[in-house]
Protein backbone atom coordinates (compact mmCIF):
# COMPACT_ATOMS: atom_id res chain seq x y z
CA MET A 1 -100.42 5.51 -110.69
CA GLU A 2 -103.77 6.37 -109.05
CA ASP A 3 -104.12 9.54 -111.14
CA ARG A 4 -103.31 7.64 -114.35
CA ASP A 5 -105.83 4.94 -113.39
CA TYR A 6 -108.57 7.63 -113.02
CA LEU A 7 -107.49 9.45 -116.23
CA GLN A 8 -107.67 6.25 -118.29
CA PHE A 9 -111.15 5.60 -116.71
CA ILE A 10 -112.24 9.01 -117.97
CA HIS A 11 -111.13 8.22 -121.47
CA LYS A 12 -112.71 4.74 -121.46
CA VAL A 13 -116.09 6.10 -120.18
CA ARG A 14 -116.00 8.79 -122.85
CA ASP A 15 -115.27 6.28 -125.62
CA TYR A 16 -117.96 3.86 -124.23
CA THR A 17 -120.79 6.30 -123.41
CA SER A 18 -119.94 9.78 -124.76
CA ILE A 19 -120.05 10.98 -121.18
CA ASP A 20 -117.07 13.25 -120.53
CA LEU A 21 -116.16 13.12 -116.85
CA SER A 22 -113.44 15.70 -117.33
CA GLN A 23 -116.18 18.37 -117.65
CA TYR A 24 -117.25 17.71 -114.08
CA LYS A 25 -115.36 19.06 -111.04
CA GLU A 26 -112.60 16.45 -110.67
CA ALA A 27 -112.17 16.33 -106.90
CA GLN A 28 -115.98 15.86 -106.28
CA MET A 29 -116.42 13.29 -109.05
CA LYS A 30 -113.35 11.28 -108.27
CA ARG A 31 -114.19 11.05 -104.62
CA ARG A 32 -117.78 10.03 -105.33
CA LEU A 33 -116.75 7.32 -107.82
CA THR A 34 -113.86 6.04 -105.68
CA THR A 35 -116.41 5.46 -102.87
CA LEU A 36 -118.62 3.48 -105.16
CA ARG A 37 -115.73 1.56 -106.68
CA THR A 38 -114.40 0.62 -103.28
CA LYS A 39 -117.81 -0.33 -101.97
CA LYS A 40 -118.23 -2.76 -104.89
CA GLY A 41 -114.92 -4.35 -104.10
CA TYR A 42 -112.69 -3.08 -107.05
CA SER A 43 -109.13 -1.92 -106.33
CA THR A 44 -108.65 0.03 -109.55
CA PHE A 45 -110.78 2.05 -111.93
CA ALA A 46 -109.60 -0.22 -114.75
CA ALA A 47 -111.20 -3.29 -113.05
CA PHE A 48 -114.34 -1.18 -112.20
CA PHE A 49 -114.78 -0.16 -115.82
CA GLU A 50 -114.44 -3.69 -116.99
CA ALA A 51 -117.08 -4.81 -114.67
CA MET A 52 -119.39 -1.94 -115.56
CA THR A 53 -119.36 -2.93 -119.26
CA LYS A 54 -120.49 -6.44 -118.33
CA ASP A 55 -122.99 -5.68 -115.60
CA LYS A 56 -125.91 -3.45 -116.51
CA GLU A 57 -127.02 -2.89 -112.90
CA LEU A 58 -123.50 -1.80 -111.99
CA PHE A 59 -123.45 0.58 -114.98
CA TYR A 60 -126.73 2.13 -113.85
CA GLU A 61 -125.40 2.52 -110.35
CA PHE A 62 -122.31 4.33 -111.77
CA LEU A 63 -124.75 6.66 -113.62
CA ASP A 64 -126.81 7.20 -110.55
CA ARG A 65 -123.78 8.08 -108.50
CA MET A 66 -122.29 10.30 -111.23
CA THR A 67 -125.51 12.31 -111.72
CA ILE A 68 -126.56 12.70 -107.98
CA ASN A 69 -130.21 11.77 -108.47
CA VAL A 70 -131.49 13.65 -105.41
CA SER A 71 -134.81 15.52 -106.20
CA GLU A 72 -138.02 16.62 -104.55
CA PHE A 73 -141.32 18.05 -105.70
CA TRP A 74 -141.47 21.77 -105.30
CA ARG A 75 -137.81 22.03 -104.24
CA ASN A 76 -137.43 25.52 -102.89
CA PRO A 77 -141.14 26.20 -102.86
CA ASN A 78 -141.00 29.99 -102.84
CA ARG A 79 -139.16 29.89 -106.24
CA TRP A 80 -141.87 27.67 -107.72
CA GLU A 81 -144.37 30.14 -106.40
CA VAL A 82 -142.69 32.94 -108.34
CA LEU A 83 -142.82 30.75 -111.53
CA GLU A 84 -146.52 29.96 -110.90
CA ARG A 85 -147.82 33.37 -109.87
CA ARG A 86 -145.62 35.69 -112.08
CA PHE A 87 -143.89 34.07 -114.96
CA LEU A 88 -146.38 31.50 -116.03
CA PRO A 89 -149.27 33.96 -116.35
CA GLU A 90 -146.91 36.24 -118.41
CA MET A 91 -146.09 33.37 -120.73
CA LEU A 92 -149.76 32.33 -121.09
CA GLN A 93 -150.74 35.92 -122.11
CA ARG A 94 -148.35 35.60 -125.02
CA SER A 95 -149.28 32.07 -126.08
CA LYS A 96 -151.57 29.22 -124.79
CA ARG A 97 -149.20 26.69 -126.35
CA LEU A 98 -146.07 26.68 -124.28
CA LYS A 99 -142.98 24.66 -124.98
CA CYS A 100 -141.17 23.71 -121.69
CA TRP A 101 -138.17 21.60 -120.85
CA SER A 102 -136.94 19.98 -117.61
CA ALA A 103 -133.20 19.50 -118.29
CA ALA A 104 -131.41 16.88 -116.16
CA CYS A 105 -134.77 15.85 -114.73
CA SER A 106 -133.47 12.94 -112.67
CA THR A 107 -136.26 10.79 -111.38
CA GLY A 108 -139.04 13.06 -112.54
CA GLU A 109 -140.08 15.16 -109.52
CA GLU A 110 -139.28 18.42 -111.33
CA PRO A 111 -141.26 17.82 -114.62
CA TYR A 112 -144.26 16.45 -112.66
CA THR A 113 -144.15 19.60 -110.51
CA LEU A 114 -144.18 21.66 -113.74
CA ALA A 115 -146.99 19.49 -115.25
CA MET A 116 -149.20 20.02 -112.17
CA ILE A 117 -148.78 23.73 -112.26
CA LEU A 118 -149.48 23.77 -116.00
CA ALA A 119 -152.65 21.69 -115.43
CA GLU A 120 -153.88 24.07 -112.75
CA HIS A 121 -153.59 26.91 -115.22
CA GLY A 122 -155.47 24.91 -117.90
CA ALA A 123 -152.37 24.88 -120.08
CA LEU A 124 -150.99 21.27 -119.85
CA ALA A 125 -153.00 19.78 -122.75
CA SER A 126 -152.06 22.49 -125.17
CA SER A 127 -148.35 22.65 -124.17
CA THR A 128 -145.29 20.57 -124.95
CA LEU A 129 -143.32 19.36 -121.90
CA ILE A 130 -139.97 17.60 -122.44
CA ALA A 131 -137.94 16.02 -119.65
CA SER A 132 -134.46 14.69 -120.31
CA ASP A 133 -131.69 13.07 -118.38
CA ILE A 134 -128.47 11.19 -119.15
CA ASP A 135 -129.34 8.34 -116.77
CA GLU A 136 -131.69 5.74 -118.22
CA GLY A 137 -132.30 4.21 -114.76
CA ALA A 138 -133.55 7.59 -113.44
CA LEU A 139 -135.73 7.99 -116.47
CA GLU A 140 -137.32 4.60 -115.87
CA LYS A 141 -138.13 5.63 -112.25
CA ALA A 142 -139.55 8.89 -113.63
CA LYS A 143 -141.87 6.94 -115.94
CA ARG A 144 -143.00 4.67 -113.15
CA ALA A 145 -143.77 7.73 -111.03
CA VAL A 146 -143.81 6.17 -107.55
CA TYR A 147 -142.12 8.27 -104.80
CA SER A 148 -141.35 8.11 -101.17
CA ASP A 149 -143.06 10.33 -98.58
CA ARG A 150 -139.80 12.26 -98.31
CA SER A 151 -140.16 13.55 -101.83
CA ILE A 152 -143.53 15.10 -101.30
CA ARG A 153 -142.88 17.08 -98.10
CA ASP A 154 -143.13 20.49 -99.85
CA VAL A 155 -146.11 19.75 -102.06
CA PRO A 156 -149.03 22.13 -101.39
CA ALA A 157 -152.09 20.29 -100.09
CA LEU A 158 -154.22 21.23 -103.16
CA TYR A 159 -151.80 19.44 -105.39
CA LEU A 160 -151.12 16.56 -103.03
CA ASN A 161 -154.93 15.73 -102.84
CA LYS A 162 -155.44 16.18 -106.63
CA TYR A 163 -152.45 14.62 -108.32
CA TYR A 164 -151.08 11.83 -106.06
CA ARG A 165 -152.42 8.44 -104.94
CA GLN A 166 -151.12 7.29 -101.55
CA ASP A 167 -150.29 3.71 -100.83
CA ASN A 168 -148.87 3.35 -97.36
CA LEU A 169 -145.53 5.33 -97.44
CA THR A 170 -145.43 5.79 -101.28
CA TYR A 171 -147.19 8.29 -103.48
CA SER A 172 -147.95 7.61 -107.19
CA ILE A 173 -148.58 10.40 -109.73
CA VAL A 174 -152.00 10.14 -111.21
CA ASP A 175 -152.20 8.66 -114.68
CA SER A 176 -153.79 11.72 -116.34
CA LEU A 177 -150.50 13.66 -116.00
CA LYS A 178 -148.13 11.03 -117.55
CA PRO A 179 -148.97 11.23 -121.25
CA HIS A 180 -148.20 14.96 -121.28
CA ILE A 181 -144.43 14.54 -120.46
CA ARG A 182 -142.03 13.33 -123.02
CA PHE A 183 -139.16 11.66 -121.22
CA GLN A 184 -135.91 11.19 -123.25
CA LYS A 185 -132.30 10.35 -122.78
CA GLN A 186 -129.98 13.32 -123.41
CA ASN A 187 -126.34 14.26 -122.80
CA LEU A 188 -126.50 17.99 -122.18
CA LEU A 189 -122.83 18.55 -123.08
CA THR A 190 -122.73 16.71 -126.39
CA ASP A 191 -126.25 16.40 -127.75
CA PRO A 192 -128.00 19.15 -129.69
CA PHE A 193 -130.93 21.02 -128.10
CA GLU A 194 -134.34 21.68 -129.48
CA SER A 195 -135.30 25.39 -129.82
CA GLY A 196 -138.18 27.69 -129.17
CA PHE A 197 -138.63 27.09 -125.54
CA ASP A 198 -140.75 29.41 -123.42
CA LEU A 199 -139.29 27.84 -120.26
CA ILE A 200 -136.19 25.77 -119.44
CA VAL A 201 -135.88 24.40 -115.92
CA CYS A 202 -132.33 23.16 -115.03
CA ARG A 203 -131.71 23.21 -111.27
CA ASN A 204 -128.96 21.96 -109.00
CA VAL A 205 -126.93 20.45 -111.86
CA MET A 206 -124.61 23.11 -113.00
CA ILE A 207 -122.77 23.11 -109.61
CA TYR A 208 -121.15 19.83 -110.60
CA PHE A 209 -119.67 21.13 -113.89
CA THR A 210 -116.43 22.86 -114.53
CA GLU A 211 -116.52 26.61 -115.50
CA GLU A 212 -115.80 25.71 -119.13
CA ALA A 213 -118.76 23.30 -119.16
CA LYS A 214 -121.07 25.82 -117.51
CA HIS A 215 -120.09 28.40 -120.13
CA LEU A 216 -120.97 25.91 -122.96
CA LEU A 217 -124.30 25.01 -121.34
CA TYR A 218 -125.52 28.53 -120.53
CA GLY A 219 -124.81 29.48 -124.25
CA LYS A 220 -126.79 26.37 -125.48
CA PHE A 221 -129.68 27.04 -123.14
CA ALA A 222 -129.88 30.71 -124.16
CA GLN A 223 -129.88 29.58 -127.83
CA ALA A 224 -132.73 27.17 -127.11
CA LEU A 225 -134.95 29.77 -125.60
CA LYS A 226 -137.22 31.93 -127.63
CA PRO A 227 -136.87 35.72 -127.10
CA GLY A 228 -138.46 36.56 -123.85
CA GLY A 229 -138.13 32.93 -122.64
CA ILE A 230 -137.17 32.06 -119.09
CA LEU A 231 -134.33 29.92 -117.72
CA PHE A 232 -134.99 28.72 -114.13
CA VAL A 233 -131.83 27.65 -112.17
CA GLY A 234 -131.21 26.13 -108.81
CA SER A 235 -130.95 28.01 -105.48
CA THR A 236 -127.22 27.24 -105.31
CA GLU A 237 -126.57 28.58 -108.82
CA GLN A 238 -126.14 32.00 -110.26
CA ILE A 239 -125.13 33.16 -113.73
CA PHE A 240 -122.36 35.73 -113.54
CA SER A 241 -122.45 38.22 -116.44
CA PRO A 242 -125.62 36.74 -118.02
CA GLY A 243 -125.49 39.36 -120.73
CA GLN A 244 -122.68 37.43 -122.52
CA TYR A 245 -125.23 34.80 -123.30
CA GLY A 246 -128.03 37.25 -124.29
CA LEU A 247 -129.69 36.67 -120.85
CA GLU A 248 -130.80 39.21 -118.25
CA PRO A 249 -131.88 38.69 -114.59
CA ALA A 250 -135.65 38.46 -114.17
CA ASP A 251 -135.85 37.48 -110.55
CA THR A 252 -133.73 35.44 -108.12
CA PHE A 253 -132.64 32.38 -110.05
CA PHE A 254 -134.71 33.30 -113.12
CA TYR A 255 -133.11 34.70 -116.30
CA ARG A 256 -134.92 36.02 -119.33
CA LYS A 257 -133.65 35.76 -122.94
CA GLN A 258 -133.25 39.24 -124.19
CA GLU A 259 -135.60 40.34 -127.01
CA ALA A 260 -134.21 41.72 -130.14
């Protein structure tokens, strides 16, 4: 009965939102959502779903739990350093007008990190920077751009002084960066991708998907990159046999689209 209750919940969520929970690792997702459901006082997923459709805040909480909105600026700083010192200068030699995408951007720490780096290289104003996520609540937080002191612990001093405004224990992104990021809602599994990207950043997201979903997404990311473009993944992620997608390893957690 419990399995049937969860399976029916998956179908209802897919019909209601186009989010396919069956593409996520079942044990992890079911455990996470059961915890939320129990905490909110619902004994079945059927009752939880009914409540979600009537309560916008509960629906956003479901999305938040489903997507694990945990992010930090400069997460794994040595990898961002490789992007800034090696790959970005290479890209800018080819074109001053870069097209970049922070996929599954959560509450915005990642695209703002990228925006600051582009700004320091004098490339933000001439570049396109898209940031997408499935969770509208997370996107609203990203647009507000107010963060806790925990989020900024790896930010280099130069950037912290230049691009943040401190107010007690919170830090706000300066207004000059905000117009250069286009935040938009997007379901990676079902929505089409734009193309011609010089850089796609998608980190610490793929670990939650099934192998079939990963295969689908790596293929879509590769198609969205321009030849020579870079895909930057998380420190817990690695693409096995990247050649099947037309990608090749460029550095640890960086993959380059092969040129014809």
